[in-house]
N, C-alpha and C. Protein backbone atom coordinates (compact mmCIF):
# COMPACT_ATOMS: atom_id res chain seq x y z
N MET A 1 80.29 153.12 153.52
CA MET A 1 79.05 152.93 152.79
C MET A 1 79.27 152.53 151.33
N PRO A 2 80.31 153.01 150.64
CA PRO A 2 80.50 152.62 149.25
C PRO A 2 80.71 151.11 149.09
N VAL A 3 81.29 150.44 150.10
CA VAL A 3 81.50 149.00 150.00
C VAL A 3 80.16 148.29 149.94
N GLN A 4 79.19 148.72 150.75
CA GLN A 4 77.87 148.11 150.72
C GLN A 4 77.19 148.35 149.37
N LYS A 5 77.39 149.52 148.83
CA LYS A 5 76.76 149.83 147.54
C LYS A 5 77.31 148.93 146.44
N TYR A 6 78.63 148.70 146.43
CA TYR A 6 79.22 147.81 145.43
C TYR A 6 78.80 146.37 145.66
N GLY A 7 78.67 145.97 146.90
CA GLY A 7 78.20 144.62 147.21
C GLY A 7 76.78 144.43 146.71
N TRP A 8 75.94 145.42 146.94
CA TRP A 8 74.56 145.36 146.47
C TRP A 8 74.52 145.27 144.95
N LYS A 9 75.33 146.07 144.26
CA LYS A 9 75.35 146.05 142.81
C LYS A 9 75.78 144.68 142.30
N ALA A 10 76.76 144.06 142.96
CA ALA A 10 77.22 142.73 142.55
C ALA A 10 76.11 141.70 142.68
N ILE A 11 75.39 141.74 143.79
CA ILE A 11 74.28 140.80 143.99
C ILE A 11 73.17 141.07 142.97
N ALA A 12 72.84 142.32 142.75
CA ALA A 12 71.77 142.67 141.81
C ALA A 12 72.13 142.25 140.38
N VAL A 13 73.37 142.48 139.98
CA VAL A 13 73.80 142.11 138.63
C VAL A 13 73.82 140.58 138.49
N GLY A 14 74.31 139.90 139.51
CA GLY A 14 74.36 138.44 139.46
C GLY A 14 72.99 137.81 139.34
N THR A 15 72.06 138.24 140.17
CA THR A 15 70.70 137.68 140.09
C THR A 15 70.03 138.10 138.78
N GLY A 16 70.32 139.29 138.32
CA GLY A 16 69.75 139.74 137.05
C GLY A 16 70.24 138.92 135.87
N ALA A 17 71.53 138.60 135.86
CA ALA A 17 72.08 137.80 134.77
C ALA A 17 71.50 136.39 134.77
N LEU A 18 71.45 135.77 135.93
CA LEU A 18 70.89 134.42 136.01
C LEU A 18 69.41 134.41 135.62
N THR A 19 68.68 135.38 136.10
CA THR A 19 67.26 135.45 135.78
C THR A 19 67.05 135.73 134.30
N GLY A 20 67.89 136.57 133.73
CA GLY A 20 67.78 136.87 132.29
C GLY A 20 68.00 135.65 131.42
N LEU A 21 69.01 134.86 131.75
CA LEU A 21 69.26 133.64 130.99
C LEU A 21 68.10 132.66 131.11
N ALA A 22 67.62 132.48 132.31
CA ALA A 22 66.51 131.56 132.52
C ALA A 22 65.26 132.05 131.81
N THR A 23 65.02 133.35 131.85
CA THR A 23 63.83 133.93 131.21
C THR A 23 63.85 133.70 129.71
N GLN A 24 64.99 133.90 129.09
CA GLN A 24 65.10 133.70 127.65
C GLN A 24 64.73 132.27 127.28
N ARG A 25 65.25 131.31 128.04
CA ARG A 25 64.95 129.89 127.77
C ARG A 25 63.47 129.59 127.97
N VAL A 26 62.90 130.12 129.04
CA VAL A 26 61.48 129.86 129.33
C VAL A 26 60.59 130.46 128.26
N ILE A 27 60.85 131.70 127.86
CA ILE A 27 60.02 132.34 126.84
C ILE A 27 60.12 131.58 125.52
N GLU A 28 61.33 131.17 125.13
CA GLU A 28 61.49 130.40 123.89
C GLU A 28 60.76 129.06 123.98
N PHE A 29 60.83 128.40 125.13
CA PHE A 29 60.15 127.12 125.31
C PHE A 29 58.63 127.29 125.20
N ILE A 30 58.09 128.29 125.88
CA ILE A 30 56.65 128.53 125.82
C ILE A 30 56.21 128.89 124.41
N TRP A 31 56.98 129.73 123.74
CA TRP A 31 56.65 130.11 122.36
C TRP A 31 56.60 128.88 121.47
N THR A 32 57.60 128.03 121.57
CA THR A 32 57.66 126.82 120.74
C THR A 32 56.51 125.87 121.07
N ALA A 33 56.18 125.74 122.36
CA ALA A 33 55.10 124.85 122.76
C ALA A 33 53.74 125.35 122.24
N ILE A 34 53.52 126.66 122.28
CA ILE A 34 52.24 127.21 121.86
C ILE A 34 52.15 127.32 120.34
N ARG A 35 53.19 127.86 119.73
CA ARG A 35 53.14 128.14 118.29
C ARG A 35 53.59 126.97 117.42
N GLY A 36 54.39 126.07 117.99
CA GLY A 36 54.89 124.94 117.20
C GLY A 36 56.04 125.31 116.29
N SER A 37 56.59 126.50 116.46
CA SER A 37 57.73 126.94 115.65
C SER A 37 58.69 127.71 116.55
N THR A 38 59.90 127.85 116.07
CA THR A 38 60.88 128.61 116.86
C THR A 38 60.56 130.11 116.75
N PRO A 39 60.89 130.86 117.78
CA PRO A 39 60.63 132.31 117.72
C PRO A 39 61.57 132.98 116.72
N PRO A 40 61.20 134.16 116.25
CA PRO A 40 62.09 134.85 115.32
C PRO A 40 63.42 135.20 116.00
N LYS A 41 64.51 135.03 115.27
CA LYS A 41 65.83 135.37 115.82
C LYS A 41 65.93 136.86 116.08
N LEU A 42 65.37 137.64 115.19
CA LEU A 42 65.39 139.10 115.32
C LEU A 42 64.03 139.60 114.87
N ALA A 43 63.25 140.10 115.80
CA ALA A 43 61.88 140.53 115.48
C ALA A 43 61.87 141.67 114.46
N ALA A 44 62.92 142.47 114.42
CA ALA A 44 62.98 143.60 113.49
C ALA A 44 63.33 143.17 112.06
N ASP A 45 63.68 141.90 111.88
CA ASP A 45 64.01 141.41 110.55
C ASP A 45 62.79 141.53 109.65
N ARG A 46 62.97 142.13 108.49
CA ARG A 46 61.83 142.38 107.60
C ARG A 46 61.24 141.10 107.02
N SER A 47 61.96 139.99 107.11
CA SER A 47 61.40 138.73 106.60
C SER A 47 60.45 138.09 107.60
N SER A 48 60.44 138.57 108.85
CA SER A 48 59.48 138.07 109.85
C SER A 48 58.13 138.74 109.62
N PRO A 49 57.06 137.96 109.57
CA PRO A 49 55.73 138.56 109.40
C PRO A 49 55.40 139.47 110.59
N TRP A 50 54.66 140.54 110.33
CA TRP A 50 54.31 141.50 111.37
C TRP A 50 53.66 140.87 112.59
N PRO A 51 52.64 140.03 112.41
CA PRO A 51 52.00 139.46 113.61
C PRO A 51 52.97 138.66 114.47
N GLU A 52 53.84 137.91 113.83
CA GLU A 52 54.83 137.13 114.58
C GLU A 52 55.83 138.04 115.29
N ALA A 53 56.30 139.07 114.59
CA ALA A 53 57.27 139.99 115.18
C ALA A 53 56.68 140.74 116.37
N VAL A 54 55.44 141.21 116.22
CA VAL A 54 54.79 141.95 117.31
C VAL A 54 54.49 141.01 118.49
N SER A 55 54.04 139.81 118.19
CA SER A 55 53.77 138.83 119.26
C SER A 55 55.04 138.52 120.03
N TRP A 56 56.15 138.34 119.32
CA TRP A 56 57.42 138.04 119.98
C TRP A 56 57.88 139.24 120.82
N ALA A 57 57.71 140.44 120.30
CA ALA A 57 58.11 141.64 121.06
C ALA A 57 57.29 141.77 122.34
N ILE A 58 56.00 141.51 122.26
CA ILE A 58 55.14 141.58 123.44
C ILE A 58 55.54 140.51 124.45
N ALA A 59 55.74 139.28 123.97
CA ALA A 59 56.10 138.17 124.86
C ALA A 59 57.43 138.43 125.57
N THR A 60 58.42 138.90 124.84
CA THR A 60 59.71 139.16 125.46
C THR A 60 59.65 140.37 126.40
N GLY A 61 58.87 141.37 126.03
CA GLY A 61 58.72 142.54 126.90
C GLY A 61 58.11 142.18 128.24
N ILE A 62 57.04 141.41 128.20
CA ILE A 62 56.41 140.97 129.44
C ILE A 62 57.36 140.08 130.23
N GLY A 63 58.00 139.15 129.54
CA GLY A 63 58.93 138.24 130.22
C GLY A 63 60.09 138.95 130.88
N VAL A 64 60.67 139.91 130.19
CA VAL A 64 61.80 140.66 130.74
C VAL A 64 61.36 141.52 131.92
N GLY A 65 60.19 142.13 131.81
CA GLY A 65 59.68 142.95 132.92
C GLY A 65 59.46 142.14 134.18
N VAL A 66 58.82 140.98 134.02
CA VAL A 66 58.57 140.11 135.18
C VAL A 66 59.90 139.56 135.72
N ALA A 67 60.81 139.21 134.83
CA ALA A 67 62.11 138.68 135.26
C ALA A 67 62.90 139.73 136.04
N ARG A 68 62.85 140.98 135.60
CA ARG A 68 63.56 142.05 136.31
C ARG A 68 62.99 142.24 137.70
N LEU A 69 61.67 142.23 137.79
CA LEU A 69 61.01 142.34 139.09
C LEU A 69 61.45 141.19 140.01
N LEU A 70 61.43 139.98 139.49
CA LEU A 70 61.85 138.81 140.25
C LEU A 70 63.31 138.93 140.68
N ALA A 71 64.17 139.37 139.78
CA ALA A 71 65.60 139.49 140.09
C ALA A 71 65.86 140.51 141.19
N VAL A 72 65.23 141.68 141.10
CA VAL A 72 65.46 142.73 142.09
C VAL A 72 64.94 142.31 143.46
N ARG A 73 63.76 141.71 143.48
CA ARG A 73 63.21 141.27 144.77
C ARG A 73 64.03 140.14 145.37
N THR A 74 64.50 139.22 144.53
CA THR A 74 65.35 138.13 145.03
C THR A 74 66.66 138.68 145.56
N ALA A 75 67.25 139.63 144.84
CA ALA A 75 68.49 140.24 145.29
C ALA A 75 68.29 140.93 146.64
N ALA A 76 67.16 141.60 146.82
CA ALA A 76 66.89 142.28 148.09
C ALA A 76 66.76 141.27 149.23
N VAL A 77 66.09 140.15 148.97
CA VAL A 77 65.95 139.12 150.00
C VAL A 77 67.32 138.53 150.36
N LEU A 78 68.14 138.25 149.34
CA LEU A 78 69.49 137.71 149.60
C LEU A 78 70.34 138.71 150.39
N TRP A 79 70.23 139.99 150.02
CA TRP A 79 70.99 141.03 150.70
C TRP A 79 70.59 141.10 152.17
N GLU A 80 69.29 141.13 152.42
CA GLU A 80 68.82 141.23 153.80
C GLU A 80 69.20 140.00 154.62
N ALA A 81 69.21 138.82 154.01
CA ALA A 81 69.61 137.61 154.71
C ALA A 81 71.10 137.64 155.06
N ALA A 82 71.90 138.21 154.17
CA ALA A 82 73.35 138.23 154.39
C ALA A 82 73.79 139.37 155.31
N VAL A 83 73.19 140.54 155.17
CA VAL A 83 73.66 141.74 155.86
C VAL A 83 72.77 142.12 157.05
N HIS A 84 71.56 141.60 157.08
CA HIS A 84 70.58 141.94 158.13
C HIS A 84 70.24 143.42 158.14
N ALA A 85 70.18 143.96 156.94
CA ALA A 85 69.79 145.36 156.76
C ALA A 85 69.17 145.48 155.37
N PRO A 86 68.32 146.46 155.17
CA PRO A 86 67.74 146.63 153.83
C PRO A 86 68.82 147.01 152.82
N PRO A 87 68.60 146.71 151.55
CA PRO A 87 69.57 147.08 150.52
C PRO A 87 69.75 148.59 150.42
N PRO A 88 70.92 149.04 150.00
CA PRO A 88 71.16 150.48 149.89
C PRO A 88 70.44 151.15 148.73
N GLU A 89 69.69 150.41 147.97
CA GLU A 89 68.93 150.96 146.85
C GLU A 89 67.66 151.62 147.36
N PRO A 90 67.39 152.87 147.02
CA PRO A 90 66.16 153.52 147.48
C PRO A 90 64.92 152.82 146.92
N GLY A 91 63.90 152.72 147.72
CA GLY A 91 62.64 152.15 147.29
C GLY A 91 62.50 150.66 147.48
N LEU A 92 63.52 149.98 148.01
CA LEU A 92 63.44 148.54 148.20
C LEU A 92 63.19 148.14 149.64
N HIS A 93 62.89 149.09 150.47
CA HIS A 93 62.61 148.80 151.86
C HIS A 93 61.20 148.24 151.99
N GLU A 94 61.01 147.36 152.94
CA GLU A 94 59.68 146.82 153.17
C GLU A 94 58.75 147.95 153.59
N SER A 95 57.56 147.97 153.02
CA SER A 95 56.60 148.99 153.40
C SER A 95 55.66 148.43 154.45
N ALA A 96 54.98 149.29 155.12
CA ALA A 96 54.03 148.88 156.15
C ALA A 96 52.64 148.76 155.55
N ALA A 97 52.52 147.95 154.50
CA ALA A 97 51.23 147.82 153.80
C ALA A 97 50.31 146.87 154.49
């Protein structure tokens, strides 16, 4: 069983990393398209105006949350396609909804 757990972790980390990189690019692109300026490099920087810093924090928080959900669900689908069994992570089994 430990081998399956490590395999699952590898798939989850891989999809998470790819999704994280893509998410960062997408959020920056959308920010630039809407605001017409680049996002703050560091929202906590005191030279960033409060509204801009808070807006960037909200945008990245939502983006990261959705990206994590997408990554975990994609990893579960890939795992089930490869192993023909649900992932060893609790709570990722298909429900009878």
